[in-house]
Amino acid sequence: MMQTTDGFTLMEIMVALVIAVMVLVAAHTAFVAIADQGEAFARMSARQDGEANAWEWLRILVRRMRTAGDAASIVGTDSTVNFSSWCESPHGWLEPCSVSLSVDHRDSLLRVASSTGLAFAVLAVPPTHLRYYVIGKRSGVLASSWNSTFAPPDAIAVLTGADTLLFGIGDRG
């Protein structure tokens, strides 16, 4: 007569536990990789959003440049430009402010600062230069410097690598 046993042997239980642990380790590794990819994507998205917002703030500051009155002056070179603009105050209205835009060749950044405390930097593809666009009778001219208390250029151009970004001044932009 043969005896039957109900249940599992110790060896079968050990093999099942080893397989379960291997499945859990593989699942944990996959979840960690997915979480790391999600965090990297979130960092990249935040950087791109910040850069897009910085370019938009620069566009707004240049568009609001003060083109009439005592403060209507713009002084610019190949790597810096200073002008007066209208900045948003903490209370929600516009107030006069001084704006400085400079190219940081060492860190490949375009730095913007205003007298109201607004400051930011945007990544710029080297080589980066500032130009001053003036519309002529037949075509436009890009000047490498500007110093005028009477008339601003039609736009400020940021030359980055192979791209040229034009920021129109006032209602002309």
N, C-alpha and C. Protein backbone atom coordinates (compact mmCIF):
# COMPACT_ATOMS: atom_id res chain seq x y z
N MET A 1 0.82 -1.15 0.00
CA MET A 1 0.00 0.00 0.00
C MET A 1 0.89 1.24 0.00
N MET A 2 0.48 2.23 -0.79
CA MET A 2 1.26 3.42 -0.96
C MET A 2 0.67 4.58 -0.15
N GLN A 3 1.56 5.29 0.47
CA GLN A 3 1.11 6.43 1.24
C GLN A 3 1.17 7.70 0.40
N THR A 4 0.13 8.53 0.46
CA THR A 4 0.14 9.81 -0.23
C THR A 4 0.24 10.90 0.81
N THR A 5 0.96 11.92 0.43
CA THR A 5 1.11 13.05 1.36
C THR A 5 0.49 14.28 0.72
N ASP A 6 -0.21 15.00 1.53
CA ASP A 6 -0.76 16.27 1.08
C ASP A 6 0.21 17.37 1.47
N GLY A 7 0.41 18.37 0.55
CA GLY A 7 1.30 19.48 0.86
C GLY A 7 2.51 19.48 -0.04
N PHE A 8 3.43 20.36 0.31
CA PHE A 8 4.63 20.54 -0.50
C PHE A 8 5.86 20.17 0.32
N THR A 9 6.87 19.77 -0.40
CA THR A 9 8.13 19.49 0.29
C THR A 9 8.86 20.80 0.53
N LEU A 10 9.82 20.76 1.41
CA LEU A 10 10.61 21.95 1.72
C LEU A 10 11.33 22.45 0.47
N MET A 11 11.79 21.56 -0.37
CA MET A 11 12.48 21.95 -1.60
C MET A 11 11.53 22.70 -2.54
N GLU A 12 10.31 22.25 -2.68
CA GLU A 12 9.35 22.94 -3.55
C GLU A 12 9.02 24.34 -3.03
N ILE A 13 8.90 24.47 -1.73
CA ILE A 13 8.63 25.78 -1.13
C ILE A 13 9.80 26.73 -1.35
N MET A 14 11.02 26.25 -1.20
CA MET A 14 12.21 27.08 -1.40
C MET A 14 12.31 27.54 -2.86
N VAL A 15 12.04 26.67 -3.81
CA VAL A 15 12.08 27.04 -5.22
C VAL A 15 11.02 28.10 -5.51
N ALA A 16 9.82 27.94 -4.96
CA ALA A 16 8.75 28.92 -5.17
C ALA A 16 9.14 30.28 -4.58
N LEU A 17 9.76 30.29 -3.40
CA LEU A 17 10.19 31.55 -2.79
C LEU A 17 11.28 32.24 -3.61
N VAL A 18 12.23 31.48 -4.14
CA VAL A 18 13.28 32.06 -4.95
C VAL A 18 12.69 32.69 -6.22
N ILE A 19 11.74 32.00 -6.84
CA ILE A 19 11.09 32.55 -8.05
C ILE A 19 10.32 33.82 -7.71
N ALA A 20 9.62 33.83 -6.58
CA ALA A 20 8.85 35.01 -6.18
C ALA A 20 9.78 36.20 -5.91
N VAL A 21 10.91 35.94 -5.25
CA VAL A 21 11.86 37.01 -4.97
C VAL A 21 12.44 37.56 -6.28
N MET A 22 12.74 36.69 -7.24
CA MET A 22 13.27 37.15 -8.52
C MET A 22 12.25 38.02 -9.25
N VAL A 23 10.98 37.65 -9.20
CA VAL A 23 9.93 38.44 -9.84
C VAL A 23 9.81 39.81 -9.15
N LEU A 24 9.85 39.82 -7.83
CA LEU A 24 9.76 41.08 -7.08
C LEU A 24 10.95 41.99 -7.36
N VAL A 25 12.15 41.45 -7.44
CA VAL A 25 13.34 42.26 -7.74
C VAL A 25 13.24 42.85 -9.15
N ALA A 26 12.79 42.05 -10.11
CA ALA A 26 12.64 42.55 -11.49
C ALA A 26 11.57 43.65 -11.54
N ALA A 27 10.46 43.47 -10.84
CA ALA A 27 9.41 44.48 -10.81
C ALA A 27 9.91 45.76 -10.15
N HIS A 28 10.65 45.62 -9.05
CA HIS A 28 11.19 46.79 -8.36
C HIS A 28 12.15 47.57 -9.27
N THR A 29 13.02 46.86 -9.97
CA THR A 29 13.96 47.50 -10.90
C THR A 29 13.21 48.25 -12.00
N ALA A 30 12.17 47.63 -12.54
CA ALA A 30 11.39 48.28 -13.59
C ALA A 30 10.69 49.54 -13.05
N PHE A 31 10.11 49.45 -11.86
CA PHE A 31 9.42 50.61 -11.29
C PHE A 31 10.40 51.75 -10.98
N VAL A 32 11.59 51.43 -10.51
CA VAL A 32 12.60 52.46 -10.23
C VAL A 32 13.02 53.14 -11.53
N ALA A 33 13.21 52.36 -12.58
CA ALA A 33 13.59 52.95 -13.88
C ALA A 33 12.48 53.86 -14.40
N ILE A 34 11.24 53.45 -14.27
CA ILE A 34 10.11 54.28 -14.72
C ILE A 34 10.04 55.56 -13.90
N ALA A 35 10.24 55.47 -12.59
CA ALA A 35 10.20 56.66 -11.73
C ALA A 35 11.35 57.61 -12.09
N ASP A 36 12.54 57.08 -12.35
CA ASP A 36 13.67 57.93 -12.74
C ASP A 36 13.40 58.64 -14.06
N GLN A 37 12.81 57.93 -15.01
CA GLN A 37 12.47 58.55 -16.30
C GLN A 37 11.43 59.65 -16.10
N GLY A 38 10.47 59.41 -15.22
CA GLY A 38 9.45 60.42 -14.94
C GLY A 38 10.05 61.67 -14.31
N GLU A 39 10.97 61.49 -13.37
CA GLU A 39 11.63 62.63 -12.74
C GLU A 39 12.49 63.40 -13.75
N ALA A 40 13.20 62.68 -14.62
CA ALA A 40 14.02 63.34 -15.64
C ALA A 40 13.13 64.12 -16.61
N PHE A 41 11.99 63.56 -16.97
CA PHE A 41 11.06 64.25 -17.86
C PHE A 41 10.50 65.50 -17.18
N ALA A 42 10.18 65.41 -15.89
CA ALA A 42 9.66 66.57 -15.16
C ALA A 42 10.71 67.67 -15.08
N ARG A 43 11.99 67.31 -14.83
CA ARG A 43 13.06 68.32 -14.79
C ARG A 43 13.23 68.98 -16.16
N MET A 44 13.21 68.18 -17.23
CA MET A 44 13.37 68.72 -18.57
C MET A 44 12.20 69.65 -18.91
N SER A 45 10.98 69.25 -18.55
CA SER A 45 9.81 70.08 -18.82
C SER A 45 9.88 71.40 -18.07
N ALA A 46 10.30 71.35 -16.80
CA ALA A 46 10.40 72.58 -16.00
C ALA A 46 11.45 73.51 -16.60
N ARG A 47 12.57 72.96 -17.06
CA ARG A 47 13.61 73.78 -17.68
C ARG A 47 13.10 74.42 -18.96
N GLN A 48 12.41 73.64 -19.79
CA GLN A 48 11.89 74.18 -21.05
C GLN A 48 10.80 75.23 -20.79
N ASP A 49 9.94 75.00 -19.79
CA ASP A 49 8.92 75.99 -19.45
C ASP A 49 9.57 77.28 -18.96
N GLY A 50 10.58 77.15 -18.12
CA GLY A 50 11.28 78.33 -17.62
C GLY A 50 11.94 79.11 -18.74
N GLU A 51 12.54 78.39 -19.67
CA GLU A 51 13.20 79.06 -20.79
C GLU A 51 12.18 79.75 -21.70
N ALA A 52 11.05 79.08 -21.96
CA ALA A 52 10.00 79.70 -22.79
C ALA A 52 9.44 80.94 -22.09
N ASN A 53 9.23 80.87 -20.78
CA ASN A 53 8.75 82.03 -20.04
C ASN A 53 9.77 83.17 -20.07
N ALA A 54 11.04 82.84 -19.97
CA ALA A 54 12.08 83.87 -19.99
C ALA A 54 12.10 84.58 -21.34
N TRP A 55 12.01 83.82 -22.44
CA TRP A 55 11.99 84.44 -23.77
C TRP A 55 10.76 85.34 -23.90
N GLU A 56 9.61 84.90 -23.35
CA GLU A 56 8.40 85.71 -23.44
C GLU A 56 8.53 86.99 -22.61
N TRP A 57 9.15 86.91 -21.40
CA TRP A 57 9.37 88.11 -20.60
C TRP A 57 10.29 89.09 -21.32
N LEU A 58 11.32 88.55 -21.96
CA LEU A 58 12.22 89.42 -22.73
C LEU A 58 11.46 90.11 -23.85
N ARG A 59 10.63 89.37 -24.55
CA ARG A 59 9.82 89.94 -25.63
C ARG A 59 8.92 91.05 -25.09
N ILE A 60 8.30 90.85 -23.94
CA ILE A 60 7.41 91.85 -23.33
C ILE A 60 8.20 93.09 -22.93
N LEU A 61 9.35 92.90 -22.28
CA LEU A 61 10.14 94.05 -21.85
C LEU A 61 10.61 94.90 -23.02
N VAL A 62 11.03 94.25 -24.11
CA VAL A 62 11.48 94.99 -25.28
C VAL A 62 10.30 95.67 -25.96
N ARG A 63 9.18 95.00 -26.04
CA ARG A 63 8.00 95.60 -26.68
C ARG A 63 7.52 96.83 -25.90
N ARG A 64 7.66 96.79 -24.58
CA ARG A 64 7.23 97.92 -23.74
C ARG A 64 8.30 99.00 -23.59
N MET A 65 9.35 98.92 -24.37
CA MET A 65 10.44 99.91 -24.26
C MET A 65 9.87 101.31 -24.35
N ARG A 66 10.38 102.19 -23.49
CA ARG A 66 9.93 103.58 -23.49
C ARG A 66 10.59 104.29 -24.67
N THR A 67 9.76 104.74 -25.61
CA THR A 67 10.28 105.34 -26.84
C THR A 67 10.04 106.84 -26.92
N ALA A 68 9.47 107.43 -25.86
CA ALA A 68 9.22 108.87 -25.87
C ALA A 68 9.52 109.43 -24.48
N GLY A 69 9.83 110.69 -24.42
CA GLY A 69 10.08 111.35 -23.15
C GLY A 69 11.54 111.31 -22.75
N ASP A 70 11.78 111.69 -21.49
CA ASP A 70 13.16 111.79 -20.99
C ASP A 70 13.88 110.45 -20.92
N ALA A 71 13.13 109.37 -20.70
CA ALA A 71 13.77 108.07 -20.50
C ALA A 71 13.90 107.27 -21.78
N ALA A 72 13.63 107.86 -22.92
CA ALA A 72 13.64 107.13 -24.18
C ALA A 72 15.05 107.03 -24.74
N SER A 73 15.90 106.33 -24.06
CA SER A 73 17.24 106.14 -24.58
C SER A 73 17.58 104.65 -24.57
N ILE A 74 18.39 104.27 -25.52
CA ILE A 74 18.86 102.89 -25.61
C ILE A 74 20.34 102.95 -25.97
N VAL A 75 21.12 102.25 -25.18
CA VAL A 75 22.56 102.17 -25.42
C VAL A 75 22.90 100.69 -25.50
N GLY A 76 23.49 100.29 -26.63
CA GLY A 76 23.78 98.89 -26.80
C GLY A 76 25.06 98.63 -27.56
N THR A 77 25.67 97.51 -27.24
CA THR A 77 26.86 97.04 -27.94
C THR A 77 26.59 95.63 -28.45
N ASP A 78 27.64 94.96 -28.86
CA ASP A 78 27.55 93.59 -29.34
C ASP A 78 27.11 92.62 -28.24
N SER A 79 27.39 92.96 -26.97
CA SER A 79 27.10 92.01 -25.90
C SER A 79 26.24 92.56 -24.76
N THR A 80 25.91 93.85 -24.75
CA THR A 80 25.04 94.41 -23.71
C THR A 80 24.13 95.47 -24.31
N VAL A 81 22.97 95.62 -23.70
CA VAL A 81 22.07 96.71 -24.08
C VAL A 81 21.32 97.15 -22.82
N ASN A 82 21.18 98.46 -22.66
CA ASN A 82 20.46 99.04 -21.53
C ASN A 82 19.38 99.96 -22.09
N PHE A 83 18.18 99.84 -21.53
CA PHE A 83 17.07 100.68 -21.98
C PHE A 83 16.04 100.83 -20.87
N SER A 84 15.12 101.75 -21.05
CA SER A 84 14.02 101.95 -20.13
C SER A 84 12.78 101.26 -20.68
N SER A 85 12.02 100.67 -19.78
CA SER A 85 10.83 99.95 -20.21
C SER A 85 9.73 100.17 -19.17
N TRP A 86 8.62 99.49 -19.35
CA TRP A 86 7.54 99.48 -18.37
C TRP A 86 7.46 98.07 -17.81
N CYS A 87 7.67 97.94 -16.50
CA CYS A 87 7.64 96.64 -15.83
C CYS A 87 6.41 96.54 -14.93
N GLU A 88 5.94 95.33 -14.75
CA GLU A 88 4.81 95.12 -13.86
C GLU A 88 5.29 95.25 -12.42
N SER A 89 4.52 96.00 -11.64
CA SER A 89 4.85 96.16 -10.22
C SER A 89 4.19 95.01 -9.44
N PRO A 90 4.59 94.81 -8.19
CA PRO A 90 3.94 93.77 -7.38
C PRO A 90 2.45 94.03 -7.18
N HIS A 91 2.03 95.28 -7.38
CA HIS A 91 0.63 95.64 -7.18
C HIS A 91 -0.21 95.44 -8.44
N GLY A 92 0.43 95.09 -9.55
CA GLY A 92 -0.30 94.77 -10.76
C GLY A 92 -0.31 95.84 -11.83
N TRP A 93 0.22 97.01 -11.57
CA TRP A 93 0.26 98.05 -12.61
C TRP A 93 1.66 98.17 -13.18
N LEU A 94 1.78 98.93 -14.26
CA LEU A 94 3.07 99.13 -14.91
C LEU A 94 3.77 100.34 -14.32
N GLU A 95 5.08 100.20 -14.14
CA GLU A 95 5.89 101.32 -13.65
C GLU A 95 7.18 101.38 -14.45
N PRO A 96 7.77 102.57 -14.55
CA PRO A 96 9.03 102.69 -15.30
C PRO A 96 10.13 101.85 -14.64
N CYS A 97 10.97 101.26 -15.46
CA CYS A 97 12.09 100.49 -14.94
C CYS A 97 13.25 100.54 -15.93
N SER A 98 14.42 100.25 -15.44
CA SER A 98 15.61 100.13 -16.28
C SER A 98 15.85 98.65 -16.53
N VAL A 99 16.20 98.32 -17.76
CA VAL A 99 16.42 96.92 -18.14
C VAL A 99 17.83 96.80 -18.71
N SER A 100 18.50 95.75 -18.30
CA SER A 100 19.83 95.44 -18.81
C SER A 100 19.81 94.03 -19.39
N LEU A 101 20.28 93.91 -20.60
CA LEU A 101 20.38 92.63 -21.29
C LEU A 101 21.85 92.41 -21.63
N SER A 102 22.40 91.28 -21.22
CA SER A 102 23.82 91.04 -21.48
C SER A 102 24.06 89.59 -21.89
N VAL A 103 25.06 89.42 -22.72
CA VAL A 103 25.47 88.09 -23.18
C VAL A 103 26.61 87.64 -22.30
N ASP A 104 26.45 86.48 -21.68
CA ASP A 104 27.50 85.87 -20.86
C ASP A 104 28.14 84.77 -21.72
N HIS A 105 29.25 85.10 -22.38
CA HIS A 105 29.88 84.15 -23.29
C HIS A 105 30.47 82.95 -22.56
N ARG A 106 30.90 83.15 -21.32
CA ARG A 106 31.52 82.06 -20.56
C ARG A 106 30.53 80.94 -20.27
N ASP A 107 29.29 81.31 -19.84
CA ASP A 107 28.29 80.31 -19.48
C ASP A 107 27.25 80.09 -20.58
N SER A 108 27.42 80.74 -21.73
CA SER A 108 26.46 80.65 -22.85
C SER A 108 25.05 81.00 -22.38
N LEU A 109 24.94 82.15 -21.73
CA LEU A 109 23.65 82.60 -21.23
C LEU A 109 23.35 84.01 -21.73
N LEU A 110 22.09 84.30 -21.82
CA LEU A 110 21.60 85.64 -22.09
C LEU A 110 20.94 86.09 -20.79
N ARG A 111 21.53 87.07 -20.11
CA ARG A 111 21.05 87.51 -18.80
C ARG A 111 20.21 88.78 -18.94
N VAL A 112 19.08 88.81 -18.25
CA VAL A 112 18.19 89.96 -18.25
C VAL A 112 17.94 90.36 -16.81
N ALA A 113 18.06 91.66 -16.53
CA ALA A 113 17.81 92.17 -15.18
C ALA A 113 17.08 93.50 -15.30
N SER A 114 16.17 93.74 -14.37
CA SER A 114 15.46 95.02 -14.36
C SER A 114 15.61 95.67 -12.99
N SER A 115 15.36 96.97 -12.94
CA SER A 115 15.48 97.70 -11.67
C SER A 115 14.40 97.31 -10.68
N THR A 116 13.37 96.58 -11.12
CA THR A 116 12.32 96.12 -10.20
C THR A 116 12.68 94.81 -9.52
N GLY A 117 13.82 94.25 -9.86
CA GLY A 117 14.24 92.99 -9.24
C GLY A 117 14.02 91.77 -10.10
N LEU A 118 13.32 91.92 -11.21
CA LEU A 118 13.12 90.80 -12.12
C LEU A 118 14.45 90.46 -12.77
N ALA A 119 14.87 89.22 -12.64
CA ALA A 119 16.14 88.78 -13.24
C ALA A 119 15.99 87.33 -13.67
N PHE A 120 16.51 87.03 -14.83
CA PHE A 120 16.49 85.65 -15.32
C PHE A 120 17.58 85.49 -16.36
N ALA A 121 17.85 84.25 -16.68
CA ALA A 121 18.86 83.94 -17.70
C ALA A 121 18.29 82.87 -18.61
N VAL A 122 18.64 82.96 -19.89
CA VAL A 122 18.21 81.97 -20.85
C VAL A 122 19.44 81.35 -21.50
N LEU A 123 19.36 80.07 -21.74
CA LEU A 123 20.45 79.38 -22.41
C LEU A 123 20.53 79.87 -23.84
N ALA A 124 21.70 80.24 -24.28
CA ALA A 124 21.91 80.75 -25.64
C ALA A 124 22.97 79.90 -26.32
N VAL A 125 22.70 79.53 -27.55
CA VAL A 125 23.65 78.73 -28.31
C VAL A 125 24.79 79.64 -28.77
N PRO A 126 26.03 79.31 -28.41
CA PRO A 126 27.15 80.16 -28.83
C PRO A 126 27.39 80.03 -30.32
N PRO A 127 27.93 81.01 -30.97
CA PRO A 127 28.22 82.33 -30.44
C PRO A 127 26.95 83.18 -30.42
N THR A 128 26.77 84.00 -29.40
CA THR A 128 25.59 84.84 -29.26
C THR A 128 26.02 86.31 -29.33
N HIS A 129 25.28 87.09 -30.12
CA HIS A 129 25.56 88.51 -30.28
C HIS A 129 24.25 89.28 -30.31
N LEU A 130 24.31 90.54 -29.93
CA LEU A 130 23.16 91.43 -30.01
C LEU A 130 23.34 92.33 -31.23
N ARG A 131 22.24 92.59 -31.92
CA ARG A 131 22.24 93.51 -33.05
C ARG A 131 21.01 94.39 -32.94
N TYR A 132 21.03 95.48 -33.68
CA TYR A 132 19.97 96.48 -33.63
C TYR A 132 19.44 96.65 -35.03
N TYR A 133 18.18 96.26 -35.22
CA TYR A 133 17.58 96.20 -36.55
C TYR A 133 16.89 97.52 -36.89
N VAL A 134 17.23 98.04 -38.05
CA VAL A 134 16.63 99.27 -38.56
C VAL A 134 16.09 98.99 -39.94
N ILE A 135 14.82 99.30 -40.15
CA ILE A 135 14.20 99.06 -41.44
C ILE A 135 14.54 100.23 -42.37
N GLY A 136 15.16 99.90 -43.48
CA GLY A 136 15.52 100.91 -44.47
C GLY A 136 14.45 101.00 -45.54
N LYS A 137 14.74 101.72 -46.59
CA LYS A 137 13.77 101.88 -47.67
C LYS A 137 13.56 100.57 -48.43
N ARG A 138 14.62 99.80 -48.63
CA ARG A 138 14.48 98.57 -49.41
C ARG A 138 14.70 97.32 -48.57
N SER A 139 15.51 97.42 -47.55
CA SER A 139 15.78 96.25 -46.72
C SER A 139 16.22 96.71 -45.34
N GLY A 140 16.34 95.78 -44.43
CA GLY A 140 16.75 96.10 -43.07
C GLY A 140 18.25 96.04 -42.89
N VAL A 141 18.73 96.74 -41.88
CA VAL A 141 20.15 96.77 -41.56
C VAL A 141 20.31 96.31 -40.11
N LEU A 142 21.28 95.45 -39.86
CA LEU A 142 21.61 95.02 -38.51
C LEU A 142 22.87 95.76 -38.05
N ALA A 143 22.71 96.68 -37.13
CA ALA A 143 23.86 97.43 -36.61
C ALA A 143 24.41 96.71 -35.38
N SER A 144 25.72 96.79 -35.18
CA SER A 144 26.34 96.09 -34.05
C SER A 144 26.35 96.93 -32.77
N SER A 145 25.98 98.20 -32.85
CA SER A 145 25.88 99.03 -31.64
C SER A 145 24.80 100.08 -31.85
N TRP A 146 24.33 100.65 -30.73
CA TRP A 146 23.29 101.67 -30.80
C TRP A 146 23.46 102.61 -29.63
N ASN A 147 23.36 103.90 -29.89
CA ASN A 147 23.45 104.90 -28.83
C ASN A 147 22.61 106.09 -29.25
N SER A 148 21.36 106.09 -28.80
CA SER A 148 20.47 107.15 -29.23
C SER A 148 19.49 107.51 -28.13
N THR A 149 19.33 108.81 -27.91
CA THR A 149 18.31 109.28 -27.00
C THR A 149 17.09 109.77 -27.77
N PHE A 150 17.17 109.73 -29.10
CA PHE A 150 16.08 110.25 -29.92
C PHE A 150 15.19 109.14 -30.48
N ALA A 151 15.79 108.12 -31.02
CA ALA A 151 15.00 107.08 -31.67
C ALA A 151 15.60 105.70 -31.39
N PRO A 152 14.78 104.78 -30.97
CA PRO A 152 15.27 103.41 -30.80
C PRO A 152 15.30 102.69 -32.14
N PRO A 153 15.99 101.57 -32.22
CA PRO A 153 15.93 100.79 -33.45
C PRO A 153 14.52 100.19 -33.59
N ASP A 154 14.24 99.58 -34.71
CA ASP A 154 12.94 98.94 -34.90
C ASP A 154 12.81 97.64 -34.13
N ALA A 155 13.95 97.00 -33.87
CA ALA A 155 13.94 95.74 -33.13
C ALA A 155 15.33 95.47 -32.59
N ILE A 156 15.39 94.64 -31.55
CA ILE A 156 16.66 94.13 -31.05
C ILE A 156 16.75 92.68 -31.52
N ALA A 157 17.87 92.34 -32.13
CA ALA A 157 18.07 90.99 -32.65
C ALA A 157 19.05 90.25 -31.75
N VAL A 158 18.72 89.00 -31.43
CA VAL A 158 19.63 88.13 -30.69
C VAL A 158 20.07 87.05 -31.66
N LEU A 159 21.36 87.07 -32.01
CA LEU A 159 21.91 86.07 -32.92
C LEU A 159 22.49 84.95 -32.08
N THR A 160 21.89 83.76 -32.17
CA THR A 160 22.38 82.61 -31.41
C THR A 160 22.66 81.48 -32.39
N GLY A 161 23.90 81.08 -32.48
CA GLY A 161 24.24 80.00 -33.40
C GLY A 161 23.80 80.34 -34.81
N ALA A 162 22.87 79.55 -35.34
CA ALA A 162 22.38 79.77 -36.70
C ALA A 162 21.05 80.52 -36.72
N ASP A 163 20.49 80.86 -35.55
CA ASP A 163 19.19 81.52 -35.47
C ASP A 163 19.33 83.01 -35.20
N THR A 164 18.35 83.78 -35.66
CA THR A 164 18.24 85.19 -35.35
C THR A 164 16.84 85.43 -34.79
N LEU A 165 16.78 85.88 -33.56
CA LEU A 165 15.50 86.18 -32.92
C LEU A 165 15.31 87.69 -32.89
N LEU A 166 14.22 88.16 -33.47
CA LEU A 166 13.93 89.60 -33.50
C LEU A 166 12.89 89.92 -32.43
N PHE A 167 13.20 90.92 -31.61
CA PHE A 167 12.26 91.39 -30.59
C PHE A 167 11.86 92.81 -30.98
N GLY A 168 10.62 92.95 -31.49
CA GLY A 168 10.14 94.24 -31.95
C GLY A 168 9.94 95.22 -30.79
N ILE A 169 10.17 96.48 -31.07
CA ILE A 169 10.07 97.52 -30.05
C ILE A 169 8.76 98.28 -30.22
N GLY A 170 8.04 98.45 -29.13
CA GLY A 170 6.81 99.22 -29.13
C GLY A 170 5.74 98.64 -30.03
N ASP A 171 4.89 99.52 -30.58
CA ASP A 171 3.79 99.09 -31.42
C ASP A 171 4.27 98.49 -32.74
N ARG A 172 5.51 98.75 -33.08
CA ARG A 172 6.06 98.20 -34.34
C ARG A 172 6.29 96.71 -34.22
N GLY A 173 6.45 96.19 -32.98
CA GLY A 173 6.75 94.77 -32.78
C GLY A 173 5.53 93.97 -32.83
